[in-house]
ModelCIF file with pLDDT and N, C-alpha, C, O atoms, coordinates in Angstrom:
data_MODEL
#
_entry.id   MODEL 
#
_entity.id                         1 
_entity.type                       polymer 
_entity.pdbx_number_of_molecules   1 
#
_entity_poly.entity_id                      1 
_entity_poly.type                           'polypeptide(L)' 
_entity_poly.nstd_linkage                   no 
_entity_poly.nstd_monomer                   no 
_entity_poly.pdbx_seq_one_letter_code       GSFRSVRDIFKHDLEYKLYYWKDQSSGKKDARTNSHTFE 
_entity_poly.pdbx_seq_one_letter_code_can   GSFRSVRDIFKHDLEYKLYYWKDQSSGKKDARTNSHTFE 
_entity_poly.pdbx_strand_id                 A 
#
loop_
_entity_poly_seq.entity_id 
_entity_poly_seq.num 
_entity_poly_seq.mon_id 
_entity_poly_seq.hetero 
1 1  GLY n 
1 2  SER n 
1 3  PHE n 
1 4  ARG n 
1 5  SER n 
1 6  VAL n 
1 7  ARG n 
1 8  ASP n 
1 9  ILE n 
1 10 PHE n 
1 11 LYS n 
1 12 HIS n 
1 13 ASP n 
1 14 LEU n 
1 15 GLU n 
1 16 TYR n 
1 17 LYS n 
1 18 LEU n 
1 19 TYR n 
1 20 TYR n 
1 21 TRP n 
1 22 LYS n 
1 23 ASP n 
1 24 GLN n 
1 25 SER n 
1 26 SER n 
1 27 GLY n 
1 28 LYS n 
1 29 LYS n 
1 30 ASP n 
1 31 ALA n 
1 32 ARG n 
1 33 THR n 
1 34 ASN n 
1 35 SER n 
1 36 HIS n 
1 37 THR n 
1 38 PHE n 
1 39 GLU n 
#
_struct_asym.id          A 
_struct_asym.entity_id   1 
#
loop_
_ma_qa_metric.id 
_ma_qa_metric.mode 
_ma_qa_metric.name 
_ma_qa_metric.software_group_id 
_ma_qa_metric.type 
1 global pLDDT . pLDDT 
2 local  pLDDT . pLDDT 
#
_ma_qa_metric_global.metric_id      1 
_ma_qa_metric_global.metric_value   92.74 
_ma_qa_metric_global.model_id       1 
_ma_qa_metric_global.ordinal_id     1 
#
loop_
_ma_qa_metric_local.label_asym_id 
_ma_qa_metric_local.label_comp_id 
_ma_qa_metric_local.label_seq_id 
_ma_qa_metric_local.metric_id 
_ma_qa_metric_local.metric_value 
_ma_qa_metric_local.model_id 
_ma_qa_metric_local.ordinal_id 
A GLY 1  2 90.00 1 1  
A SER 2  2 93.00 1 2  
A PHE 3  2 95.00 1 3  
A ARG 4  2 96.00 1 4  
A SER 5  2 97.00 1 5  
A VAL 6  2 97.00 1 6  
A ARG 7  2 96.00 1 7  
A ASP 8  2 96.00 1 8  
A ILE 9  2 96.00 1 9  
A PHE 10 2 96.00 1 10 
A LYS 11 2 94.00 1 11 
A HIS 12 2 94.00 1 12 
A ASP 13 2 95.00 1 13 
A LEU 14 2 97.00 1 14 
A GLU 15 2 96.00 1 15 
A TYR 16 2 97.00 1 16 
A LYS 17 2 96.00 1 17 
A LEU 18 2 96.00 1 18 
A TYR 19 2 95.00 1 19 
A TYR 20 2 94.00 1 20 
A TRP 21 2 93.00 1 21 
A LYS 22 2 90.00 1 22 
A ASP 23 2 85.00 1 23 
A GLN 24 2 82.00 1 24 
A SER 25 2 79.00 1 25 
A SER 26 2 76.00 1 26 
A GLY 27 2 85.00 1 27 
A LYS 28 2 88.00 1 28 
A LYS 29 2 92.00 1 29 
A ASP 30 2 93.00 1 30 
A ALA 31 2 95.00 1 31 
A ARG 32 2 95.00 1 32 
A THR 33 2 95.00 1 33 
A ASN 34 2 93.00 1 34 
A SER 35 2 93.00 1 35 
A HIS 36 2 94.00 1 36 
A THR 37 2 95.00 1 37 
A PHE 38 2 95.00 1 38 
A GLU 39 2 93.00 1 39 
#
loop_
_atom_site.group_PDB 
_atom_site.id 
_atom_site.type_symbol 
_atom_site.label_atom_id 
_atom_site.label_alt_id 
_atom_site.label_comp_id 
_atom_site.label_asym_id 
_atom_site.label_entity_id 
_atom_site.label_seq_id 
_atom_site.pdbx_PDB_ins_code 
_atom_site.Cartn_x 
_atom_site.Cartn_y 
_atom_site.Cartn_z 
_atom_site.occupancy 
_atom_site.B_iso_or_equiv 
_atom_site.pdbx_formal_charge 
_atom_site.auth_seq_id 
_atom_site.auth_comp_id 
_atom_site.auth_asym_id 
_atom_site.auth_atom_id 
_atom_site.pdbx_PDB_model_num 
ATOM 1   N N  . GLY A 1 1  ? 207.588 60.242 216.368 1.00 90.00 ? 1  GLY A N  1 
ATOM 2   C CA . GLY A 1 1  ? 208.030 59.577 215.130 1.00 90.00 ? 1  GLY A CA 1 
ATOM 3   C C  . GLY A 1 1  ? 209.523 59.532 215.036 1.00 90.00 ? 1  GLY A C  1 
ATOM 4   O O  . GLY A 1 1  ? 210.012 58.817 214.161 1.00 90.00 ? 1  GLY A O  1 
ATOM 5   N N  . SER A 1 2  ? 210.341 60.244 215.873 1.00 93.00 ? 2  SER A N  1 
ATOM 6   C CA . SER A 1 2  ? 211.779 60.186 215.849 1.00 93.00 ? 2  SER A CA 1 
ATOM 7   C C  . SER A 1 2  ? 212.288 58.981 216.485 1.00 93.00 ? 2  SER A C  1 
ATOM 8   O O  . SER A 1 2  ? 211.633 58.444 217.377 1.00 93.00 ? 2  SER A O  1 
ATOM 9   N N  . PHE A 1 3  ? 213.391 58.521 216.101 1.00 95.00 ? 3  PHE A N  1 
ATOM 10  C CA . PHE A 1 3  ? 213.997 57.251 216.676 1.00 95.00 ? 3  PHE A CA 1 
ATOM 11  C C  . PHE A 1 3  ? 214.740 57.524 217.948 1.00 95.00 ? 3  PHE A C  1 
ATOM 12  O O  . PHE A 1 3  ? 215.445 58.529 218.049 1.00 95.00 ? 3  PHE A O  1 
ATOM 13  N N  . ARG A 1 4  ? 214.614 56.719 218.856 1.00 96.00 ? 4  ARG A N  1 
ATOM 14  C CA . ARG A 1 4  ? 215.347 56.798 220.112 1.00 96.00 ? 4  ARG A CA 1 
ATOM 15  C C  . ARG A 1 4  ? 216.761 56.232 219.914 1.00 96.00 ? 4  ARG A C  1 
ATOM 16  O O  . ARG A 1 4  ? 217.015 55.201 219.292 1.00 96.00 ? 4  ARG A O  1 
ATOM 17  N N  . SER A 1 5  ? 217.649 57.034 220.519 1.00 97.00 ? 5  SER A N  1 
ATOM 18  C CA . SER A 1 5  ? 219.058 56.597 220.433 1.00 97.00 ? 5  SER A CA 1 
ATOM 19  C C  . SER A 1 5  ? 219.369 55.692 221.569 1.00 97.00 ? 5  SER A C  1 
ATOM 20  O O  . SER A 1 5  ? 218.545 55.568 222.475 1.00 97.00 ? 5  SER A O  1 
ATOM 21  N N  . VAL A 1 6  ? 220.514 55.040 221.586 1.00 97.00 ? 6  VAL A N  1 
ATOM 22  C CA . VAL A 1 6  ? 220.909 54.183 222.708 1.00 97.00 ? 6  VAL A CA 1 
ATOM 23  C C  . VAL A 1 6  ? 221.046 54.858 223.983 1.00 97.00 ? 6  VAL A C  1 
ATOM 24  O O  . VAL A 1 6  ? 220.755 54.302 225.042 1.00 97.00 ? 6  VAL A O  1 
ATOM 25  N N  . ARG A 1 7  ? 221.530 56.171 223.898 1.00 96.00 ? 7  ARG A N  1 
ATOM 26  C CA . ARG A 1 7  ? 221.662 57.074 225.136 1.00 96.00 ? 7  ARG A CA 1 
ATOM 27  C C  . ARG A 1 7  ? 220.265 57.300 225.662 1.00 96.00 ? 7  ARG A C  1 
ATOM 28  O O  . ARG A 1 7  ? 220.109 57.354 226.882 1.00 96.00 ? 7  ARG A O  1 
ATOM 29  N N  . ASP A 1 8  ? 219.216 57.439 224.831 1.00 96.00 ? 8  ASP A N  1 
ATOM 30  C CA . ASP A 1 8  ? 217.792 57.718 225.397 1.00 96.00 ? 8  ASP A CA 1 
ATOM 31  C C  . ASP A 1 8  ? 217.351 56.534 226.216 1.00 96.00 ? 8  ASP A C  1 
ATOM 32  O O  . ASP A 1 8  ? 216.523 56.679 227.115 1.00 96.00 ? 8  ASP A O  1 
ATOM 33  N N  . ILE A 1 9  ? 217.895 55.342 225.919 1.00 96.00 ? 9  ILE A N  1 
ATOM 34  C CA . ILE A 1 9  ? 217.487 54.232 226.751 1.00 96.00 ? 9  ILE A CA 1 
ATOM 35  C C  . ILE A 1 9  ? 218.515 53.919 227.932 1.00 96.00 ? 9  ILE A C  1 
ATOM 36  O O  . ILE A 1 9  ? 218.113 53.624 229.057 1.00 96.00 ? 9  ILE A O  1 
ATOM 37  N N  . PHE A 1 10 ? 219.802 53.998 227.617 1.00 96.00 ? 10 PHE A N  1 
ATOM 38  C CA . PHE A 1 10 ? 220.753 53.613 228.642 1.00 96.00 ? 10 PHE A CA 1 
ATOM 39  C C  . PHE A 1 10 ? 221.057 54.781 229.644 1.00 96.00 ? 10 PHE A C  1 
ATOM 40  O O  . PHE A 1 10 ? 221.524 54.594 230.767 1.00 96.00 ? 10 PHE A O  1 
ATOM 41  N N  . LYS A 1 11 ? 220.765 55.916 229.152 1.00 94.00 ? 11 LYS A N  1 
ATOM 42  C CA . LYS A 1 11 ? 221.016 57.167 230.008 1.00 94.00 ? 11 LYS A CA 1 
ATOM 43  C C  . LYS A 1 11 ? 222.401 57.174 230.612 1.00 94.00 ? 11 LYS A C  1 
ATOM 44  O O  . LYS A 1 11 ? 223.380 57.114 229.868 1.00 94.00 ? 11 LYS A O  1 
ATOM 45  N N  . HIS A 1 12 ? 222.533 57.244 231.936 1.00 94.00 ? 12 HIS A N  1 
ATOM 46  C CA . HIS A 1 12 ? 223.914 57.430 232.533 1.00 94.00 ? 12 HIS A CA 1 
ATOM 47  C C  . HIS A 1 12 ? 224.709 56.107 232.622 1.00 94.00 ? 12 HIS A C  1 
ATOM 48  O O  . HIS A 1 12 ? 225.866 56.048 233.037 1.00 94.00 ? 12 HIS A O  1 
ATOM 49  N N  . ASP A 1 13 ? 223.969 55.031 232.186 1.00 95.00 ? 13 ASP A N  1 
ATOM 50  C CA . ASP A 1 13 ? 224.732 53.762 232.081 1.00 95.00 ? 13 ASP A CA 1 
ATOM 51  C C  . ASP A 1 13 ? 225.703 53.660 230.888 1.00 95.00 ? 13 ASP A C  1 
ATOM 52  O O  . ASP A 1 13 ? 226.550 52.769 230.837 1.00 95.00 ? 13 ASP A O  1 
ATOM 53  N N  . LEU A 1 14 ? 225.557 54.596 229.932 1.00 97.00 ? 14 LEU A N  1 
ATOM 54  C CA . LEU A 1 14 ? 226.251 54.516 228.677 1.00 97.00 ? 14 LEU A CA 1 
ATOM 55  C C  . LEU A 1 14 ? 227.431 55.582 228.763 1.00 97.00 ? 14 LEU A C  1 
ATOM 56  O O  . LEU A 1 14 ? 227.230 56.745 229.113 1.00 97.00 ? 14 LEU A O  1 
ATOM 57  N N  . GLU A 1 15 ? 228.658 55.085 228.419 1.00 96.00 ? 15 GLU A N  1 
ATOM 58  C CA . GLU A 1 15 ? 229.736 55.905 228.337 1.00 96.00 ? 15 GLU A CA 1 
ATOM 59  C C  . GLU A 1 15 ? 230.470 55.702 226.957 1.00 96.00 ? 15 GLU A C  1 
ATOM 60  O O  . GLU A 1 15 ? 230.168 54.730 226.265 1.00 96.00 ? 15 GLU A O  1 
ATOM 61  N N  . TYR A 1 16 ? 231.347 56.524 226.579 1.00 97.00 ? 16 TYR A N  1 
ATOM 62  C CA . TYR A 1 16 ? 232.158 56.297 225.292 1.00 97.00 ? 16 TYR A CA 1 
ATOM 63  C C  . TYR A 1 16 ? 233.653 56.429 225.654 1.00 97.00 ? 16 TYR A C  1 
ATOM 64  O O  . TYR A 1 16 ? 234.088 57.185 226.523 1.00 97.00 ? 16 TYR A O  1 
ATOM 65  N N  . LYS A 1 17 ? 234.399 55.588 224.868 1.00 96.00 ? 17 LYS A N  1 
ATOM 66  C CA . LYS A 1 17 ? 235.821 55.657 225.013 1.00 96.00 ? 17 LYS A CA 1 
ATOM 67  C C  . LYS A 1 17 ? 236.448 55.900 223.704 1.00 96.00 ? 17 LYS A C  1 
ATOM 68  O O  . LYS A 1 17 ? 236.112 55.314 222.675 1.00 96.00 ? 17 LYS A O  1 
ATOM 69  N N  . LEU A 1 18 ? 237.445 56.858 223.793 1.00 96.00 ? 18 LEU A N  1 
ATOM 70  C CA . LEU A 1 18 ? 238.240 57.234 222.631 1.00 96.00 ? 18 LEU A CA 1 
ATOM 71  C C  . LEU A 1 18 ? 239.633 56.676 222.748 1.00 96.00 ? 18 LEU A C  1 
ATOM 72  O O  . LEU A 1 18 ? 240.376 56.943 223.692 1.00 96.00 ? 18 LEU A O  1 
ATOM 73  N N  . TYR A 1 19 ? 239.969 55.846 221.687 1.00 95.00 ? 19 TYR A N  1 
ATOM 74  C CA . TYR A 1 19 ? 241.344 55.293 221.655 1.00 95.00 ? 19 TYR A CA 1 
ATOM 75  C C  . TYR A 1 19 ? 242.089 56.138 220.592 1.00 95.00 ? 19 TYR A C  1 
ATOM 76  O O  . TYR A 1 19 ? 241.604 56.324 219.475 1.00 95.00 ? 19 TYR A O  1 
ATOM 77  N N  . TYR A 1 20 ? 243.261 56.634 220.970 1.00 94.00 ? 20 TYR A N  1 
ATOM 78  C CA . TYR A 1 20 ? 244.024 57.493 220.067 1.00 94.00 ? 20 TYR A CA 1 
ATOM 79  C C  . TYR A 1 20 ? 245.487 57.121 220.108 1.00 94.00 ? 20 TYR A C  1 
ATOM 80  O O  . TYR A 1 20 ? 245.990 56.594 221.100 1.00 94.00 ? 20 TYR A O  1 
ATOM 81  N N  . TRP A 1 21 ? 246.161 57.408 219.003 1.00 93.00 ? 21 TRP A N  1 
ATOM 82  C CA . TRP A 1 21 ? 247.607 57.118 218.975 1.00 93.00 ? 21 TRP A CA 1 
ATOM 83  C C  . TRP A 1 21 ? 248.258 57.903 217.823 1.00 93.00 ? 21 TRP A C  1 
ATOM 84  O O  . TRP A 1 21 ? 247.635 58.208 216.806 1.00 93.00 ? 21 TRP A O  1 
ATOM 85  N N  . LYS A 1 22 ? 249.601 58.224 218.050 1.00 90.00 ? 22 LYS A N  1 
ATOM 86  C CA . LYS A 1 22 ? 250.384 58.933 216.928 1.00 90.00 ? 22 LYS A CA 1 
ATOM 87  C C  . LYS A 1 22 ? 250.366 58.001 215.668 1.00 90.00 ? 22 LYS A C  1 
ATOM 88  O O  . LYS A 1 22 ? 250.563 56.787 215.723 1.00 90.00 ? 22 LYS A O  1 
ATOM 89  N N  . ASP A 1 23 ? 250.106 58.709 214.527 1.00 85.00 ? 23 ASP A N  1 
ATOM 90  C CA . ASP A 1 23 ? 250.159 57.978 213.231 1.00 85.00 ? 23 ASP A CA 1 
ATOM 91  C C  . ASP A 1 23 ? 251.432 57.289 213.073 1.00 85.00 ? 23 ASP A C  1 
ATOM 92  O O  . ASP A 1 23 ? 252.483 57.847 213.389 1.00 85.00 ? 23 ASP A O  1 
ATOM 93  N N  . GLN A 1 24 ? 251.399 56.083 212.591 1.00 82.00 ? 24 GLN A N  1 
ATOM 94  C CA . GLN A 1 24 ? 252.503 55.168 212.331 1.00 82.00 ? 24 GLN A CA 1 
ATOM 95  C C  . GLN A 1 24 ? 253.073 54.648 213.736 1.00 82.00 ? 24 GLN A C  1 
ATOM 96  O O  . GLN A 1 24 ? 254.171 54.093 213.783 1.00 82.00 ? 24 GLN A O  1 
ATOM 97  N N  . SER A 1 25 ? 252.329 54.837 214.816 1.00 79.00 ? 25 SER A N  1 
ATOM 98  C CA . SER A 1 25 ? 252.764 54.256 216.089 1.00 79.00 ? 25 SER A CA 1 
ATOM 99  C C  . SER A 1 25 ? 251.752 53.245 216.590 1.00 79.00 ? 25 SER A C  1 
ATOM 100 O O  . SER A 1 25 ? 250.593 53.237 216.175 1.00 79.00 ? 25 SER A O  1 
ATOM 101 N N  . SER A 1 26 ? 252.207 52.407 217.475 1.00 76.00 ? 26 SER A N  1 
ATOM 102 C CA . SER A 1 26 ? 251.277 51.257 218.003 1.00 76.00 ? 26 SER A CA 1 
ATOM 103 C C  . SER A 1 26 ? 250.881 51.530 219.422 1.00 76.00 ? 26 SER A C  1 
ATOM 104 O O  . SER A 1 26 ? 250.006 50.822 219.920 1.00 76.00 ? 26 SER A O  1 
ATOM 105 N N  . GLY A 1 27 ? 251.443 52.497 220.132 1.00 85.00 ? 27 GLY A N  1 
ATOM 106 C CA . GLY A 1 27 ? 251.136 52.922 221.426 1.00 85.00 ? 27 GLY A CA 1 
ATOM 107 C C  . GLY A 1 27 ? 249.715 53.594 221.545 1.00 85.00 ? 27 GLY A C  1 
ATOM 108 O O  . GLY A 1 27 ? 249.518 54.684 221.007 1.00 85.00 ? 27 GLY A O  1 
ATOM 109 N N  . LYS A 1 28 ? 248.818 53.007 222.183 1.00 88.00 ? 28 LYS A N  1 
ATOM 110 C CA . LYS A 1 28 ? 247.405 53.586 222.312 1.00 88.00 ? 28 LYS A CA 1 
ATOM 111 C C  . LYS A 1 28 ? 247.260 54.295 223.651 1.00 88.00 ? 28 LYS A C  1 
ATOM 112 O O  . LYS A 1 28 ? 247.822 53.877 224.663 1.00 88.00 ? 28 LYS A O  1 
ATOM 113 N N  . LYS A 1 29 ? 246.484 55.388 223.626 1.00 92.00 ? 29 LYS A N  1 
ATOM 114 C CA . LYS A 1 29 ? 245.977 55.982 224.860 1.00 92.00 ? 29 LYS A CA 1 
ATOM 115 C C  . LYS A 1 29 ? 244.481 56.055 224.737 1.00 92.00 ? 29 LYS A C  1 
ATOM 116 O O  . LYS A 1 29 ? 243.916 55.914 223.652 1.00 92.00 ? 29 LYS A O  1 
ATOM 117 N N  . ASP A 1 30 ? 243.855 56.275 225.855 1.00 93.00 ? 30 ASP A N  1 
ATOM 118 C CA . ASP A 1 30 ? 242.338 56.269 225.818 1.00 93.00 ? 30 ASP A CA 1 
ATOM 119 C C  . ASP A 1 30 ? 241.824 57.375 226.726 1.00 93.00 ? 30 ASP A C  1 
ATOM 120 O O  . ASP A 1 30 ? 242.500 57.814 227.657 1.00 93.00 ? 30 ASP A O  1 
ATOM 121 N N  . ALA A 1 31 ? 240.642 57.797 226.434 1.00 95.00 ? 31 ALA A N  1 
ATOM 122 C CA . ALA A 1 31 ? 239.940 58.783 227.317 1.00 95.00 ? 31 ALA A CA 1 
ATOM 123 C C  . ALA A 1 31 ? 238.369 58.476 227.307 1.00 95.00 ? 31 ALA A C  1 
ATOM 124 O O  . ALA A 1 31 ? 237.843 57.873 226.372 1.00 95.00 ? 31 ALA A O  1 
ATOM 125 N N  . ARG A 1 32 ? 237.723 58.900 228.324 1.00 95.00 ? 32 ARG A N  1 
ATOM 126 C CA . ARG A 1 32 ? 236.240 58.567 228.415 1.00 95.00 ? 32 ARG A CA 1 
ATOM 127 C C  . ARG A 1 32 ? 235.431 59.862 228.479 1.00 95.00 ? 32 ARG A C  1 
ATOM 128 O O  . ARG A 1 32 ? 235.913 60.911 228.907 1.00 95.00 ? 32 ARG A O  1 
ATOM 129 N N  . THR A 1 33 ? 234.156 59.738 228.024 1.00 95.00 ? 33 THR A N  1 
ATOM 130 C CA . THR A 1 33 ? 233.170 60.863 228.159 1.00 95.00 ? 33 THR A CA 1 
ATOM 131 C C  . THR A 1 33 ? 231.786 60.354 228.344 1.00 95.00 ? 33 THR A C  1 
ATOM 132 O O  . THR A 1 33 ? 231.480 59.220 227.974 1.00 95.00 ? 33 THR A O  1 
ATOM 133 N N  . ASN A 1 34 ? 230.897 61.208 228.939 1.00 93.00 ? 34 ASN A N  1 
ATOM 134 C CA . ASN A 1 34 ? 229.500 60.916 229.037 1.00 93.00 ? 34 ASN A CA 1 
ATOM 135 C C  . ASN A 1 34 ? 228.746 61.837 228.070 1.00 93.00 ? 34 ASN A C  1 
ATOM 136 O O  . ASN A 1 34 ? 227.516 61.823 228.030 1.00 93.00 ? 34 ASN A O  1 
ATOM 137 N N  . SER A 1 35 ? 229.443 62.593 227.335 1.00 93.00 ? 35 SER A N  1 
ATOM 138 C CA . SER A 1 35 ? 228.787 63.560 226.393 1.00 93.00 ? 35 SER A CA 1 
ATOM 139 C C  . SER A 1 35 ? 229.000 63.174 224.961 1.00 93.00 ? 35 SER A C  1 
ATOM 140 O O  . SER A 1 35 ? 229.275 61.998 224.724 1.00 93.00 ? 35 SER A O  1 
ATOM 141 N N  . HIS A 1 36 ? 228.905 64.022 223.999 1.00 94.00 ? 36 HIS A N  1 
ATOM 142 C CA . HIS A 1 36 ? 229.157 63.716 222.588 1.00 94.00 ? 36 HIS A CA 1 
ATOM 143 C C  . HIS A 1 36 ? 230.476 64.173 222.020 1.00 94.00 ? 36 HIS A C  1 
ATOM 144 O O  . HIS A 1 36 ? 230.727 64.136 220.815 1.00 94.00 ? 36 HIS A O  1 
ATOM 145 N N  . THR A 1 37 ? 231.326 64.617 222.966 1.00 95.00 ? 37 THR A N  1 
ATOM 146 C CA . THR A 1 37 ? 232.537 65.286 222.516 1.00 95.00 ? 37 THR A CA 1 
ATOM 147 C C  . THR A 1 37 ? 233.836 64.811 223.247 1.00 95.00 ? 37 THR A C  1 
ATOM 148 O O  . THR A 1 37 ? 233.745 64.431 224.414 1.00 95.00 ? 37 THR A O  1 
ATOM 149 N N  . PHE A 1 38 ? 234.957 64.818 222.648 1.00 95.00 ? 38 PHE A N  1 
ATOM 150 C CA . PHE A 1 38 ? 236.142 64.638 223.298 1.00 95.00 ? 38 PHE A CA 1 
ATOM 151 C C  . PHE A 1 38 ? 237.053 65.792 223.041 1.00 95.00 ? 38 PHE A C  1 
ATOM 152 O O  . PHE A 1 38 ? 237.070 66.316 221.927 1.00 95.00 ? 38 PHE A O  1 
ATOM 153 N N  . GLU A 1 39 ? 237.847 66.234 224.060 1.00 93.00 ? 39 GLU A N  1 
ATOM 154 C CA . GLU A 1 39 ? 238.914 67.209 223.783 1.00 93.00 ? 39 GLU A CA 1 
ATOM 155 C C  . GLU A 1 39 ? 240.168 66.706 224.513 1.00 93.00 ? 39 GLU A C  1 
ATOM 156 O O  . GLU A 1 39 ? 241.219 67.345 224.447 1.00 93.00 ? 39 GLU A O  1 
#
Protein backbone atom coordinates (compact mmCIF):
# COMPACT_ATOMS: atom_id res chain seq x y z
CA GLY A 1 0.00 0.00 0.00
CA SER A 2 2.96 2.40 0.10
CA PHE A 3 3.59 4.59 -2.93
CA ARG A 4 6.52 3.86 -5.21
CA SER A 5 8.98 6.70 -5.72
CA VAL A 6 10.52 7.69 -9.05
CA ARG A 7 13.76 6.06 -7.86
CA ASP A 8 11.91 2.75 -7.35
CA ILE A 9 11.05 2.83 -11.06
CA PHE A 10 14.09 4.46 -12.68
CA LYS A 11 16.66 2.92 -10.30
CA HIS A 12 20.19 3.69 -11.61
CA ASP A 13 18.85 5.74 -14.53
CA LEU A 14 17.96 8.53 -12.09
CA GLU A 15 20.45 11.11 -10.83
CA TYR A 16 20.10 14.41 -9.01
CA LYS A 17 21.88 17.66 -9.63
CA LEU A 18 22.52 20.36 -7.02
CA TYR A 19 22.97 23.93 -8.26
CA TYR A 20 24.50 26.24 -5.65
CA TRP A 21 25.92 29.76 -5.53
CA LYS A 22 27.03 32.42 -3.08
CA ASP A 23 24.13 34.50 -1.84
CA GLN A 24 23.80 37.72 -3.87
CA SER A 25 25.97 36.18 -6.62
CA SER A 26 24.99 34.91 -10.09
CA GLY A 27 27.83 32.42 -10.61
CA LYS A 28 26.42 28.88 -10.24
CA LYS A 29 28.25 25.64 -9.55
CA ASP A 30 26.75 22.15 -9.63
CA ALA A 31 27.27 18.66 -8.24
CA ARG A 32 25.66 15.26 -8.88
CA THR A 33 24.61 12.35 -6.71
CA ASN A 34 22.93 8.93 -7.01
CA SER A 35 21.91 8.99 -3.34
CA HIS A 36 19.68 11.26 -1.21
CA THR A 37 22.45 13.52 0.08
CA PHE A 38 24.90 16.15 -1.08
CA GLU A 39 28.06 17.19 0.75
